[in-house]
Amino acid sequence: MQAINYIKNDIPVLFEADCCVCGGGTAGVPAAVMAARSGCSAIIIEKGIVMGGSQTRALVLPLMPTFVDGSDTPFITEIKKRMLDEGIDMSDKVTAFGWFNPEKLAYIYDRMLEEAGVKILYNADLIDAVVIDKKIKYIIVNTIEGLAAVKAGAFIDCTGDAVLSRVSGIKTEKGYEKTGNNQPMSFRFEMGGIDFEKLYEYTRSLNDNWCATRPPYFEIALARNRDIKYALEPVFVAGYERGELTLEDIEYFQAFTITGKPGCMSMNCPEIPVKFKATRAEDLSGAVVYARSMIYRITKFLTKNIPGFEKAYLSRESSMIGARESFRIIGKYRLSEKDYYSRSKFDDAVAKTAWYIDAHGEKVGDYLARGEYYEIPYRALVTDEISNLIVAGRCISASFILQASMRIQPTCMTLGETAGATAAYSKKTGIEINKIEWDKVDNDIKPYKK
């Protein structure tokens, strides 16, 4: 591949702040809010025009649980309260999954950032970083005005793909160590005009014991090559045998109702074949085209064959491919499946979870017993290479299999809170972010308290 010289020259500094958060997604918003509330001037950089990332742009809902009682940290508790004020009950008394509404969440995120005094920069692509003496001095973003720089004392990588880490020279890994494959991506979409009651009665008629949920909090699913035999599997297999669907179309199908949107479901599919890698630019574009044809077949099949979908229609496509895993940093500590099976605990723990190993395409299962969990150490969020950077979200330092457990939204949100608190603590004490001994930090500062 041909390379060109790139010289960072005469680029205006657009903003200066104590803390710059790159990525306005699941981890990014809590990072910025926590940093600002803790005493930092903060800016958040987002390449789209809505906060929430996978939650709002990739339409990944519900929240899903950590399976650990009392794991909700302050930011998550506040989100649930604000959502309840908007008429969306995310509490466990309704369902353990944490159903939410993406449009309402996007509105809430904007309000929280504004109230905290965080500067929001939408439509800004992170493209490079200026690193001097193991510190990021500036990041370079592409905006409507052209290239611009943002200067900060602390930087938080919440890009999901470890973009800031990689342009700063931090070592990363990608894919499954045994095969090189990423977890398969999804291109989620929504359908409206669904008759929930009719759909519910139909799924009950297939297998009455399978329907653990019911409208308005209702899920239907199909996952082939799993131990669980889903009620819809024979229906989809028949569609494949008639030529209405491909084997790839029926590999994984899941749909959730969306609170506040009657007659609408969010489709956790199609699952894009693993030949499309989440770490290749060409593959990401090819995946969109390929998956859109899968959406076309699936929606056509549902309206033709599934009672309740007769008048349904495609109402929305996600504006972002859903990547479960791509690049992961190599930090001071690398979590592995050994930590999962050992239920590892750490003095510098920043989060806990018991979500099962959920590595689509490779390994799914191995639940921990109720009350058991493992912790994530602060050292998995920082590196030796860059002193003023902390990473939060699904791209922290972890093996492919362990990342498949920690990648869920509540855990990523908690990691974001920790990163924001860290930036403020570093400013206050003068201790470099990657030198902070988290076990010695005052407990009042920590979002996750052991």
Protein backbone atom coordinates (compact mmCIF):
# COMPACT_ATOMS: atom_id res chain seq x y z
CA MET A 1 0.00 0.00 0.00
CA GLN A 2 1.36 3.40 -0.97
CA ALA A 3 2.10 5.82 1.90
CA ILE A 4 2.23 9.60 1.91
CA ASN A 5 3.96 12.10 4.15
CA TYR A 6 1.63 13.83 6.58
CA ILE A 7 2.84 16.99 8.33
CA LYS A 8 0.87 18.52 11.18
CA ASN A 9 1.38 22.18 10.33
CA ASP A 10 -0.62 25.38 10.84
CA ILE A 11 -3.59 23.58 12.38
CA PRO A 12 -5.67 25.94 14.57
CA VAL A 13 -6.40 25.01 18.18
CA LEU A 14 -10.17 24.94 18.36
CA PHE A 15 -10.56 24.19 22.08
CA GLU A 16 -8.53 23.80 25.25
CA ALA A 17 -9.76 21.85 28.28
CA ASP A 18 -8.57 19.96 31.34
CA CYS A 19 -10.04 16.76 29.93
CA CYS A 20 -10.89 15.64 26.41
CA VAL A 21 -13.12 12.60 25.89
CA CYS A 22 -12.89 11.00 22.45
CA GLY A 23 -16.10 9.18 21.59
CA GLY A 24 -19.59 10.07 22.79
CA GLY A 25 -20.82 6.54 23.28
CA THR A 26 -21.70 4.23 26.13
CA ALA A 27 -18.50 4.97 28.06
CA GLY A 28 -17.86 8.45 26.70
CA VAL A 29 -20.87 10.30 28.08
CA PRO A 30 -20.40 9.13 31.69
CA ALA A 31 -16.67 9.88 31.39
CA ALA A 32 -17.29 13.47 30.34
CA VAL A 33 -20.10 14.08 32.86
CA MET A 34 -18.07 12.64 35.73
CA ALA A 35 -14.96 14.63 34.77
CA ALA A 36 -16.91 17.90 34.63
CA ARG A 37 -18.83 17.27 37.84
CA SER A 38 -15.55 16.46 39.58
CA GLY A 39 -13.93 19.78 38.71
CA CYS A 40 -12.52 19.49 35.17
CA SER A 41 -13.29 21.65 32.19
CA ALA A 42 -14.25 18.99 29.67
CA ILE A 43 -14.94 18.53 25.99
CA ILE A 44 -16.40 15.47 24.29
CA ILE A 45 -15.63 14.65 20.65
CA GLU A 46 -18.22 12.69 18.67
CA LYS A 47 -18.11 11.82 14.97
CA GLY A 48 -21.89 11.56 14.68
CA ILE A 49 -24.66 13.96 15.71
CA VAL A 50 -26.06 12.02 18.66
CA MET A 51 -24.58 10.80 21.93
CA GLY A 52 -24.92 7.20 23.00
CA GLY A 53 -22.93 5.34 20.36
CA SER A 54 -24.07 1.73 20.24
CA GLN A 55 -27.08 2.58 22.42
CA THR A 56 -28.54 5.20 20.09
CA ARG A 57 -26.70 4.96 16.76
CA ALA A 58 -26.33 1.18 16.56
CA LEU A 59 -29.74 0.64 18.27
CA VAL A 60 -28.35 -1.81 20.84
CA LEU A 61 -31.09 -2.17 23.41
CA PRO A 62 -32.02 -3.19 26.08
CA LEU A 63 -29.16 -2.34 28.45
CA MET A 64 -28.65 -5.96 29.61
CA PRO A 65 -27.71 -6.79 33.23
CA THR A 66 -24.39 -7.44 34.94
CA PHE A 67 -26.07 -10.26 36.91
CA VAL A 68 -24.58 -8.75 40.07
CA ASP A 69 -26.87 -7.28 42.72
CA GLY A 70 -26.03 -3.70 43.61
CA SER A 71 -23.76 -3.13 40.61
CA ASP A 72 -25.47 0.09 39.48
CA THR A 73 -23.02 2.98 39.91
CA PRO A 74 -24.19 6.62 40.33
CA PHE A 75 -24.38 7.41 36.61
CA ILE A 76 -26.45 4.31 35.81
CA THR A 77 -28.77 5.02 38.74
CA GLU A 78 -29.26 8.57 37.49
CA ILE A 79 -29.97 7.42 33.94
CA LYS A 80 -32.70 5.10 35.19
CA LYS A 81 -34.23 7.91 37.26
CA ARG A 82 -34.17 10.36 34.37
CA MET A 83 -35.61 7.73 32.06
CA LEU A 84 -38.41 7.06 34.56
CA ASP A 85 -39.17 10.80 34.53
CA GLU A 86 -39.66 10.38 30.78
CA GLY A 87 -42.06 7.48 31.32
CA ILE A 88 -39.58 4.63 30.74
CA ASP A 89 -39.24 2.23 33.67
CA MET A 90 -35.85 0.48 33.51
CA SER A 91 -35.99 -1.00 36.99
CA ASP A 92 -35.54 -4.69 37.73
CA LYS A 93 -39.13 -4.93 38.92
CA VAL A 94 -40.19 -4.53 35.30
CA THR A 95 -37.52 -6.66 33.68
CA ALA A 96 -33.92 -7.56 34.39
CA PHE A 97 -32.90 -6.52 30.87
CA GLY A 98 -33.14 -2.73 31.31
CA TRP A 99 -35.38 -1.75 28.39
CA PHE A 100 -34.85 1.84 27.22
CA ASN A 101 -35.82 4.20 24.42
CA PRO A 102 -32.93 5.40 22.21
CA GLU A 103 -34.43 8.78 21.29
CA LYS A 104 -35.16 9.65 24.90
CA LEU A 105 -31.70 8.51 25.94
CA ALA A 106 -30.08 10.76 23.33
CA TYR A 107 -32.05 13.72 24.69
CA ILE A 108 -31.10 12.87 28.28
CA TYR A 109 -27.41 12.60 27.36
CA ASP A 110 -27.40 16.07 25.77
CA ARG A 111 -29.09 17.53 28.86
CA MET A 112 -26.65 15.87 31.28
CA LEU A 113 -23.63 17.07 29.34
CA GLU A 114 -24.95 20.61 29.08
CA GLU A 115 -25.89 20.73 32.76
CA ALA A 116 -22.39 19.56 33.71
CA GLY A 117 -20.82 22.23 31.52
CA VAL A 118 -19.24 19.83 29.03
CA LYS A 119 -18.43 21.30 25.62
CA ILE A 120 -19.90 19.12 22.87
CA LEU A 121 -18.22 18.83 19.48
CA TYR A 122 -20.34 16.85 17.05
CA ASN A 123 -19.38 16.02 13.46
CA ALA A 124 -15.71 15.67 14.39
CA ASP A 125 -13.60 12.71 13.26
CA LEU A 126 -10.53 11.93 15.33
CA ILE A 127 -7.64 11.39 12.92
CA ASP A 128 -4.38 11.88 14.81
CA ALA A 129 -2.62 12.85 18.01
CA VAL A 130 0.45 14.90 18.84
CA VAL A 131 2.50 13.01 21.44
CA ILE A 132 5.49 14.59 23.18
CA ASP A 133 7.42 12.93 26.01
CA LYS A 134 4.85 10.13 26.46
CA LYS A 135 2.02 12.67 26.75
CA ILE A 136 -0.75 13.51 24.32
CA LYS A 137 -0.57 17.28 23.86
CA TYR A 138 -3.21 17.67 21.15
CA ILE A 139 -5.59 15.57 19.15
CA ILE A 140 -6.34 16.38 15.50
CA VAL A 141 -9.95 16.24 14.34
CA ASN A 142 -11.58 16.77 10.98
CA THR A 143 -14.51 19.21 11.16
CA ILE A 144 -16.66 21.24 8.77
CA GLU A 145 -13.96 23.92 9.08
CA GLY A 146 -11.23 21.46 8.15
CA LEU A 147 -8.51 20.12 10.42
CA ALA A 148 -8.44 21.47 13.96
CA ALA A 149 -6.60 20.67 17.17
CA VAL A 150 -7.92 20.16 20.70
CA LYS A 151 -5.52 20.65 23.60
CA ALA A 152 -6.08 19.00 26.98
CA GLY A 153 -4.27 17.86 30.08
CA ALA A 154 -5.95 14.45 30.20
CA PHE A 155 -7.42 12.33 27.42
CA ILE A 156 -9.97 9.52 27.62
CA ASP A 157 -10.29 7.00 24.79
CA CYS A 158 -13.95 5.97 24.54
CA THR A 159 -13.92 5.35 20.80
CA GLY A 160 -14.71 1.63 21.18
CA ASP A 161 -12.11 0.86 18.52
CA ALA A 162 -9.15 2.24 20.51
CA VAL A 163 -8.66 4.91 17.85
CA LEU A 164 -6.98 7.46 20.13
CA SER A 165 -4.79 4.76 21.62
CA ARG A 166 -3.65 3.53 18.24
CA VAL A 167 -2.81 6.95 16.79
CA SER A 168 -0.89 7.65 20.01
CA GLY A 169 1.33 4.62 19.52
CA ILE A 170 -0.20 2.23 22.05
CA LYS A 171 0.06 -1.45 21.22
CA THR A 172 -3.23 -3.20 20.51
CA GLU A 173 -4.51 -6.63 19.55
CA LYS A 174 -7.56 -7.64 17.56
CA GLY A 175 -9.76 -10.66 17.01
CA TYR A 176 -9.67 -14.11 18.50
CA GLU A 177 -6.16 -15.25 19.30
CA LYS A 178 -6.85 -18.68 17.76
CA THR A 179 -8.53 -17.65 14.48
CA GLY A 180 -7.96 -13.94 13.95
CA ASN A 181 -11.70 -13.42 13.52
CA ASN A 182 -13.54 -10.57 15.21
CA GLN A 183 -16.89 -11.27 16.76
CA PRO A 184 -19.51 -10.89 14.01
CA MET A 185 -20.94 -7.41 13.61
CA SER A 186 -24.63 -6.53 13.46
CA PHE A 187 -26.60 -4.01 11.42
CA ARG A 188 -29.60 -3.46 13.64
CA PHE A 189 -32.90 -2.05 12.49
CA GLU A 190 -36.39 -1.28 13.75
CA MET A 191 -39.78 -2.38 12.47
CA GLY A 192 -43.07 -0.65 13.19
CA GLY A 193 -46.72 -1.61 12.74
CA ILE A 194 -46.39 -4.88 14.72
CA ASP A 195 -49.36 -6.38 16.56
CA PHE A 196 -47.70 -7.35 19.85
CA GLU A 197 -50.56 -9.39 21.28
CA LYS A 198 -50.96 -11.41 18.11
CA LEU A 199 -47.20 -12.03 17.99
CA TYR A 200 -47.16 -13.00 21.67
CA GLU A 201 -49.96 -15.51 21.27
CA TYR A 202 -48.25 -16.98 18.23
CA THR A 203 -44.94 -17.54 20.01
CA ARG A 204 -46.82 -19.04 22.97
CA SER A 205 -48.53 -21.45 20.62
CA LEU A 206 -45.12 -22.67 19.45
CA ASN A 207 -43.73 -23.19 22.94
CA ASP A 208 -45.62 -21.91 25.97
CA ASN A 209 -42.66 -22.44 28.29
CA TRP A 210 -40.33 -20.35 26.15
CA CYS A 211 -42.13 -16.99 26.55
CA ALA A 212 -40.61 -15.59 29.73
CA THR A 213 -41.49 -12.04 28.63
CA ARG A 214 -44.71 -10.48 27.41
CA PRO A 215 -45.82 -7.13 25.96
CA PRO A 216 -44.94 -4.34 26.45
CA TYR A 217 -41.57 -5.84 27.49
CA PHE A 218 -41.33 -8.64 24.99
CA GLU A 219 -38.52 -10.51 23.26
CA ILE A 220 -38.46 -13.04 20.44
CA ALA A 221 -35.29 -14.83 19.39
CA LEU A 222 -33.59 -17.46 17.29
CA ALA A 223 -30.00 -18.62 17.73
CA ARG A 224 -28.91 -21.67 15.80
CA ASN A 225 -26.10 -23.98 16.89
CA ARG A 226 -26.79 -23.27 20.57
CA ASP A 227 -27.85 -25.59 23.38
CA ILE A 228 -31.13 -23.67 23.73
CA LYS A 229 -33.76 -24.72 21.21
CA TYR A 230 -35.68 -21.57 20.35
CA ALA A 231 -39.34 -21.77 19.44
CA LEU A 232 -38.93 -19.86 16.18
CA GLU A 233 -36.10 -21.99 14.83
CA PRO A 234 -38.26 -24.45 12.83
CA VAL A 235 -40.19 -21.53 11.30
CA PHE A 236 -37.02 -19.83 10.09
CA VAL A 237 -35.49 -23.11 8.90
CA ALA A 238 -38.62 -23.71 6.82
CA GLY A 239 -38.16 -20.25 5.32
CA TYR A 240 -34.61 -21.17 4.37
CA GLU A 241 -35.77 -24.43 2.80
CA ARG A 242 -38.29 -22.48 0.70
CA GLY A 243 -35.54 -20.16 -0.50
CA GLU A 244 -36.87 -17.09 1.34
CA LEU A 245 -33.85 -16.82 3.63
CA THR A 246 -30.19 -17.82 3.52
CA LEU A 247 -28.36 -19.83 6.18
CA GLU A 248 -26.60 -16.62 7.21
CA ASP A 249 -29.97 -14.88 7.66
CA ILE A 250 -31.15 -17.51 10.14
CA GLU A 251 -27.93 -17.90 12.11
CA TYR A 252 -29.07 -15.32 14.69
CA PHE A 253 -32.31 -13.37 15.06
CA GLN A 254 -33.53 -11.40 18.05
CA ALA A 255 -36.07 -8.65 18.54
CA PHE A 256 -37.05 -6.50 21.52
CA THR A 257 -39.99 -4.19 22.00
CA ILE A 258 -39.08 -0.53 22.50
CA THR A 259 -40.73 1.22 25.43
CA GLY A 260 -42.49 4.38 24.40
CA LYS A 261 -42.81 3.20 20.79
CA PRO A 262 -46.00 1.08 20.53
CA GLY A 263 -45.94 -1.50 17.77
CA CYS A 264 -42.19 -1.12 17.28
CA MET A 265 -39.39 -3.64 17.81
CA SER A 266 -35.61 -3.34 17.70
CA MET A 267 -33.99 -6.17 15.74
CA ASN A 268 -30.69 -7.44 17.14
CA CYS A 269 -29.72 -8.71 13.71
CA PRO A 270 -28.74 -9.47 11.05
CA GLU A 271 -25.55 -11.02 12.32
CA ILE A 272 -23.01 -10.25 9.62
CA PRO A 273 -20.75 -13.17 8.59
CA VAL A 274 -17.31 -13.19 10.24
CA LYS A 275 -15.61 -12.90 6.85
CA PHE A 276 -16.28 -9.18 7.29
CA LYS A 277 -13.78 -7.94 9.87
CA ALA A 278 -14.58 -5.05 12.21
CA THR A 279 -10.94 -3.97 11.91
CA ARG A 280 -10.79 -3.46 8.12
CA ALA A 281 -12.05 -0.30 6.42
CA GLU A 282 -13.05 -2.09 3.22
CA ASP A 283 -14.87 -4.82 5.15
CA LEU A 284 -16.92 -2.30 7.13
CA SER A 285 -18.28 -0.82 3.91
CA GLY A 286 -18.87 -4.23 2.40
CA ALA A 287 -20.65 -5.33 5.56
CA VAL A 288 -23.17 -2.49 5.27
CA VAL A 289 -24.13 -3.43 1.72
CA TYR A 290 -24.24 -7.15 2.52
CA ALA A 291 -26.27 -6.71 5.71
CA ARG A 292 -28.77 -4.37 4.08
CA SER A 293 -29.70 -7.18 1.69
CA MET A 294 -30.08 -9.45 4.71
CA ILE A 295 -32.43 -6.90 6.31
CA TYR A 296 -34.49 -6.85 3.12
CA ARG A 297 -34.95 -10.63 3.16
CA ILE A 298 -35.67 -10.80 6.90
CA THR A 299 -38.32 -8.06 6.86
CA LYS A 300 -39.98 -9.63 3.83
CA PHE A 301 -39.98 -13.03 5.54
CA LEU A 302 -41.44 -11.68 8.80
CA THR A 303 -44.33 -9.83 7.15
CA LYS A 304 -45.18 -12.88 5.05
CA ASN A 305 -44.84 -15.64 7.65
CA ILE A 306 -45.04 -14.43 11.26
CA PRO A 307 -48.46 -13.56 12.73
CA GLY A 308 -48.38 -10.04 14.13
CA PHE A 309 -46.04 -8.79 11.39
CA GLU A 310 -48.62 -8.69 8.58
CA LYS A 311 -48.75 -4.86 8.54
CA ALA A 312 -45.22 -4.29 9.78
CA TYR A 313 -42.65 -2.22 7.93
CA LEU A 314 -38.98 -1.26 8.14
CA SER A 315 -39.03 1.99 10.12
CA ARG A 316 -35.37 2.68 10.85
CA GLU A 317 -31.88 1.43 10.11
CA SER A 318 -29.06 1.99 12.58
CA SER A 319 -26.60 4.74 11.62
CA MET A 320 -23.64 2.73 12.85
CA ILE A 321 -22.51 -0.86 12.41
CA GLY A 322 -22.67 -2.72 15.71
CA ALA A 323 -19.18 -4.04 16.44
CA ARG A 324 -18.98 -6.37 19.43
CA GLU A 325 -15.18 -6.44 19.36
CA SER A 326 -12.42 -4.90 17.26
CA PHE A 327 -9.15 -3.47 18.65
CA ARG A 328 -8.16 -3.90 22.30
CA ILE A 329 -5.30 -2.11 24.03
CA ILE A 330 -2.47 -3.98 25.74
CA GLY A 331 -2.43 -2.32 29.14
CA LYS A 332 -0.57 -2.73 32.39
CA TYR A 333 -2.82 -5.69 33.16
CA ARG A 334 -4.45 -7.92 30.55
CA LEU A 335 -7.65 -9.59 31.69
CA SER A 336 -8.17 -13.14 30.47
CA GLU A 337 -10.68 -15.95 30.76
CA LYS A 338 -8.65 -17.16 33.73
CA ASP A 339 -9.92 -14.09 35.62
CA TYR A 340 -13.47 -15.00 34.65
CA TYR A 341 -13.27 -18.60 35.84
CA SER A 342 -11.28 -17.66 38.96
CA ARG A 343 -13.77 -14.89 39.85
CA SER A 344 -10.72 -12.63 40.22
CA LYS A 345 -10.83 -9.73 42.66
CA PHE A 346 -8.40 -6.80 42.63
CA ASP A 347 -7.31 -4.14 45.12
CA ASP A 348 -7.57 -1.56 42.31
CA ALA A 349 -10.96 -2.80 41.03
CA VAL A 350 -13.09 -0.28 39.10
CA ALA A 351 -16.07 -2.47 38.13
CA LYS A 352 -17.62 -5.89 38.63
CA THR A 353 -19.72 -8.07 36.36
CA ALA A 354 -20.97 -11.62 35.96
CA TRP A 355 -22.24 -11.38 32.37
CA TYR A 356 -21.52 -14.69 30.73
CA ILE A 357 -18.92 -15.33 28.01
CA ASP A 358 -20.83 -14.08 24.97
CA ALA A 359 -18.40 -14.47 22.07
CA HIS A 360 -20.67 -14.80 19.04
CA GLY A 361 -19.19 -17.12 16.47
CA GLU A 362 -16.76 -18.75 18.91
CA LYS A 363 -17.99 -19.49 22.43
CA VAL A 364 -21.25 -18.65 24.19
CA GLY A 365 -22.12 -19.84 27.69
CA ASP A 366 -20.44 -20.69 30.99
CA TYR A 367 -22.56 -18.71 33.41
CA LEU A 368 -21.28 -17.85 36.88
CA ALA A 369 -23.42 -18.91 39.83
CA ARG A 370 -25.73 -16.32 41.36
CA GLY A 371 -23.77 -14.01 43.65
CA GLU A 372 -20.45 -14.75 41.94
CA TYR A 373 -18.60 -12.15 39.87
CA TYR A 374 -15.18 -10.98 38.80
CA GLU A 375 -13.68 -7.50 38.92
CA ILE A 376 -11.89 -5.28 36.40
CA PRO A 377 -8.67 -3.63 37.64
CA TYR A 378 -7.66 -0.03 37.00
CA ARG A 379 -4.44 -1.33 35.41
CA ALA A 380 -6.46 -2.73 32.47
CA LEU A 381 -7.43 0.85 31.55
CA VAL A 382 -3.95 2.41 31.38
CA THR A 383 -0.66 1.74 29.62
CA ASP A 384 3.05 2.36 30.05
CA GLU A 385 3.30 4.21 26.71
CA ILE A 386 1.12 7.27 27.41
CA SER A 387 0.98 8.89 30.85
CA ASN A 388 -2.12 11.11 30.47
CA LEU A 389 -4.47 8.64 28.76
CA ILE A 390 -7.06 6.27 30.19
CA VAL A 391 -9.21 3.92 28.12
CA ALA A 392 -12.85 3.04 28.86
CA GLY A 393 -15.35 0.80 27.11
CA ARG A 394 -15.05 -2.44 25.17
CA CYS A 395 -11.46 -1.77 24.01
CA ILE A 396 -9.72 -2.09 27.40
CA SER A 397 -6.90 -4.57 27.92
CA ALA A 398 -8.46 -8.04 27.75
CA SER A 399 -8.33 -11.28 25.82
CA PHE A 400 -10.92 -11.95 23.14
CA ILE A 401 -12.91 -14.36 25.33
CA LEU A 402 -12.86 -12.18 28.46
CA GLN A 403 -13.84 -9.10 26.43
CA ALA A 404 -16.93 -11.02 25.35
CA SER A 405 -18.09 -10.90 28.97
CA MET A 406 -17.10 -7.35 30.01
CA ARG A 407 -18.36 -5.58 26.84
CA ILE A 408 -21.96 -5.04 28.02
CA GLN A 409 -23.29 -1.52 28.45
CA PRO A 410 -23.51 -1.21 32.27
CA THR A 411 -19.89 -2.29 32.62
CA CYS A 412 -18.71 0.10 29.90
CA MET A 413 -20.68 2.93 31.53
CA THR A 414 -19.02 2.24 34.88
CA LEU A 415 -15.59 2.23 33.24
CA GLY A 416 -16.43 5.61 31.73
CA GLU A 417 -17.37 6.99 35.15
CA THR A 418 -14.05 5.79 36.52
CA ALA A 419 -12.12 7.39 33.68
CA GLY A 420 -13.82 10.75 34.26
CA ALA A 421 -13.13 10.60 37.98
CA THR A 422 -9.51 9.70 37.24
CA ALA A 423 -9.01 12.76 35.03
CA ALA A 424 -10.26 15.03 37.82
CA TYR A 425 -8.14 13.25 40.43
CA SER A 426 -5.05 13.60 38.25
CA LYS A 427 -5.69 17.32 37.83
CA LYS A 428 -6.16 17.80 41.56
CA THR A 429 -3.13 15.79 42.70
CA GLY A 430 -0.73 16.20 39.80
CA ILE A 431 -0.27 12.42 39.61
CA GLU A 432 -0.04 11.10 36.07
CA ILE A 433 -3.06 9.01 35.10
CA ASN A 434 -1.03 5.88 34.42
CA LYS A 435 0.77 6.24 37.76
CA ILE A 436 -2.35 6.48 39.93
CA GLU A 437 -2.64 3.69 42.48
CA TRP A 438 -6.39 3.26 42.47
CA ASP A 439 -6.47 1.22 45.66
CA LYS A 440 -5.04 4.23 47.53
CA VAL A 441 -7.56 6.74 46.13
CA ASP A 442 -10.22 8.00 48.55
CA ASN A 443 -13.34 5.86 48.28
CA ASP A 444 -15.63 8.89 47.90
CA ILE A 445 -14.07 9.56 44.50
CA LYS A 446 -14.75 6.08 43.14
CA PRO A 447 -17.96 5.32 41.20
CA TYR A 448 -17.52 1.61 42.05
CA LYS A 449 -17.02 1.01 45.75
CA LYS A 450 -15.92 -2.45 46.83
